[in-house]
Amino acid sequence: MVTIASKTSNANYHLVHIAMTKNWLEAHADFSAGVHTFGQCMALADLNADGDHRLIIADHGQFLTNRSQAKLKVYRGTSLVAENALLDLPVAIAAFHMDLTQPRIPAVAVASGPHIYIYKNMRPYFKFSLPPMDISSVEKDVWAQAKEGNIEVDVLMDMLNGLSKEVGFSRLTARSQQLLSLPEAALRKKFIEDQKNQPLRRQTSITCLTTLKKSLPDDDAVTCLVVGTESGHIYILDSEAFTILDTIQVPGVPCFMGAVGLRDVEFRIVVACRNRQLVQVKRGWRDARPLTQLAAQALGLAISPSAVVVALMDDTLRWFTKKGKETWCINLPGIVRCLTAVPLPQHGTWAAAVGLIDGSIQLYSEGKLIDTIATPRPVSALICGTFGQGEHCLVVNSEDGGLMVHILRRTANFKLAEEQVGAKDSQPLPIPKKTKLFVEQTVREREGAKAIHDAFQMDLLRLRLKVARSCESALSGSLSGNPISSTQPLRLAAQVRGLGPTFQLTVELENMAEKDAMIGLAIVFHYDTKIYQIDRPFIKVPLLVPRFPFEMETFVGYVSTTPGLTGVVRVLVVKGAHQQAPLLAALIHMPMPGDLESV
C-alpha cells in the first residue's frame, strides 16, 4: 500500500491550478437553479433517441418541510424541459432500456421508499413494489389480541419491548416501531385504537439503485435493475416483466453499489455497507462475500473493469483490486462530498472525480492526481457522461442549489501535477499543430492497429445488421396485414367467393380504436392487369366509427389467356393524397377459375 499526500504549498498549487484548468471548458453555470440533490439522483440519457442526451435530476428540494417540492426534472442543455412531482423522497434514479421496441427510448426508474416508479416518455408508466417481509408470529398474535380488545396497553408494550430485544428493533413492523417510540400512555392508547384494525405489514425500503446489462453490452441493450434494501438484500429485477431474477443476502445494509458485466453471462456487483464492509456478488451466488473491512464509513463508490474506488469519511480515497487488496490510499485536502467515475478511453485511462467541500473537484487515476477543477461553491453531487452532443461532460450540483457544466476540451492533457510543475524550466521545441496531430495519430494507429481494425469491422457488421433488420421490417410491415402506425388501429379482412372466371371480392374494414373515428380513408386494389380486371379498383371509405365494420364488394374478372396462370391482389388502405406508405396492407392469393376453395 502506498500513501500519497495531495496537499501542496500555495505557490505550487497556484501553478498546478493554472496548468490543469485548461483541460475543461466551463459551458454553463446557473447558481439560481434551486436544485438540491445528490449523486445517486442524477442521470444522463438520450430520452428521445435523437442523439441529444438530457440531464435527469430527482430534486428533493426542502422535502422535510414541504413534501410537494420533490420533483423529477429534465434539462435539455441549459433549459428545464420537463418536470414531474414525486410522491415520496427519492433515493436514487437510473435510466435503462426495458424492452426492444423502436425507437430505443430509455425509461427512468425512481426509487422511493419500498417502491420503484417507472417513467416512460417522462410519464408515469409502472410502479414496482418490493415483496413484503415475514412478520414474527408473536407480533402477529399480540396485534390480533389488541384488535379483539383482549390485551392491555401496558402488557402490549412489554411484549413488544421483549420481542424487540430478542429479534432486534429493525425486524419489527413499522407500526410496532412507531408505537414503541411514543413517550406518553395517552398517545399510545390512541395509536393502538387507530391502527389495530389495519392489516399488519412489514416492508423494507430501498437504499441504493444501479443498472446491469442483461445479455448484450450495447448502450441501448436491455438492462436489469439492481436494488439494495434496508433489510440487507440485493434484488436483480427483470426490466421487461418486472419480476425478481436473483435475490442475494448481504451482511449489512447496502449504501453504495456498482455493477459491471452481463447478467446472463458473468457479472460482478460491489457493495459498500453501513457496517464498513465492502462485499461483492457474482453470478450464481446467493450470499455476498466480503472483500475487505473499510477504515471508515463510505461516502461514495466507483467501479472500473479492474478496480474499485471508495471515498471514506476519514477524508481518504482508496483503491482496491478485484480481490479486495488495497493498492493506494490518498489523503484528500478537504472533506469529501461526492464521488463519480470519469472514463477517459481516448486518453487511455479511467479516473475518479472527488467533490470536496471547498468547491474543488480533483481527478485521480491509479492513485495519482491528474487534474483539478475549481468551482466557487461547495460541491454536493457529480455525474460524468454524454450531455447534449458532448461525450465527456461533468455536471456539478453545488450545495446552494446551483448547476454547473464543464466540457472536456479536445486538447486536454492529463499529465501528473508533479510533472507539470517540474517541467516549467524545460522549453520544448515548438511543433506545428498539424504536424503534432499527424504524429500522434500515426503513433496511435501503429500501437492499436488490431484494436482499430476490430472496431471498424464490428461497426461495419453492426451497420449491415441494422440495414438488414430495417429492410426486413419494411418488407414484413408492408405485407403482414398489421398496422404500420400504432396511432391508426385498423383491422382488415378479405374474402373471395365464386367459381370463376368472375369472383366476388368482399373487404371488411373495422376501426379498433376506443373513441376516435377515422375519416379520409380509401381502399386501393393493386393487381396485374394482364391476369385480372377489377370493377372498382379505388373505393372511398366513409366516416369509420369505432367497432362498426364497413363492408364493401367488388368483382374481379379473370382475363388471362394463359391457362393455369394465377396471381395476387394487394389490398391497400391509404389516407390522404400525400401519404407515402399505406396504413394497412393485405395480400390475397386468387384461386384458379373453377377451384372451389376460397382465400
Foldseek 3Di string as FASTA:
>chain_A
DDEDEPDDDPVLVVLLAVVFQVFWDFPDWDLPQQADAAAQQWDWADQPLPLFIKIWGQGCHPCVVPVQPGWIWIDRRNDTDDIGTDNARWQGKDWFQQDDDPPLGTWMWTFGWQWIFIGHVNHTDDIDGDDFDDADPQLVVLLVCLLVVNDDLVVSLVSLVVVCVVPNLLRHAPLSNVLNPDDDPVVNVVSSVVPSPPDTTHGWGWQHKDKAAAADPDPSGGIWIWTFIQVQWIFTANSHVRDTPAIAGEPAGFHAKDKDDHQVPKIKMWTQHQQQWIWMDMHPHRYTDTQDGHPAHWQEWDDDPFWIWTQHQQQWIWIAGPNNHTDYIYRHPAGWQYKEKFDDVVVPFIWMWTFHQCQKIFIDTPHATFHIDHDNAGWHYWDFADHGNAGTKIWTAGNSGMIIIMGGDPPRDRDGSVVSSVCPPPDDDDDDPVVVVVVVVVVVCVVCVVVVVVVVVVVVVVVVVVVVVVVVCVVCQAEVQAFPDPVFHKHKDWKWDDQDLKIKIKIKIAGADDFDKDAQKKKAKDDDPQFKDKPPRIGHDGIHGHPDIDMDMIMIGGNHPDPPDWDKIKIFMDGDPPDPGTRGIYIATQDHRRDRDMD
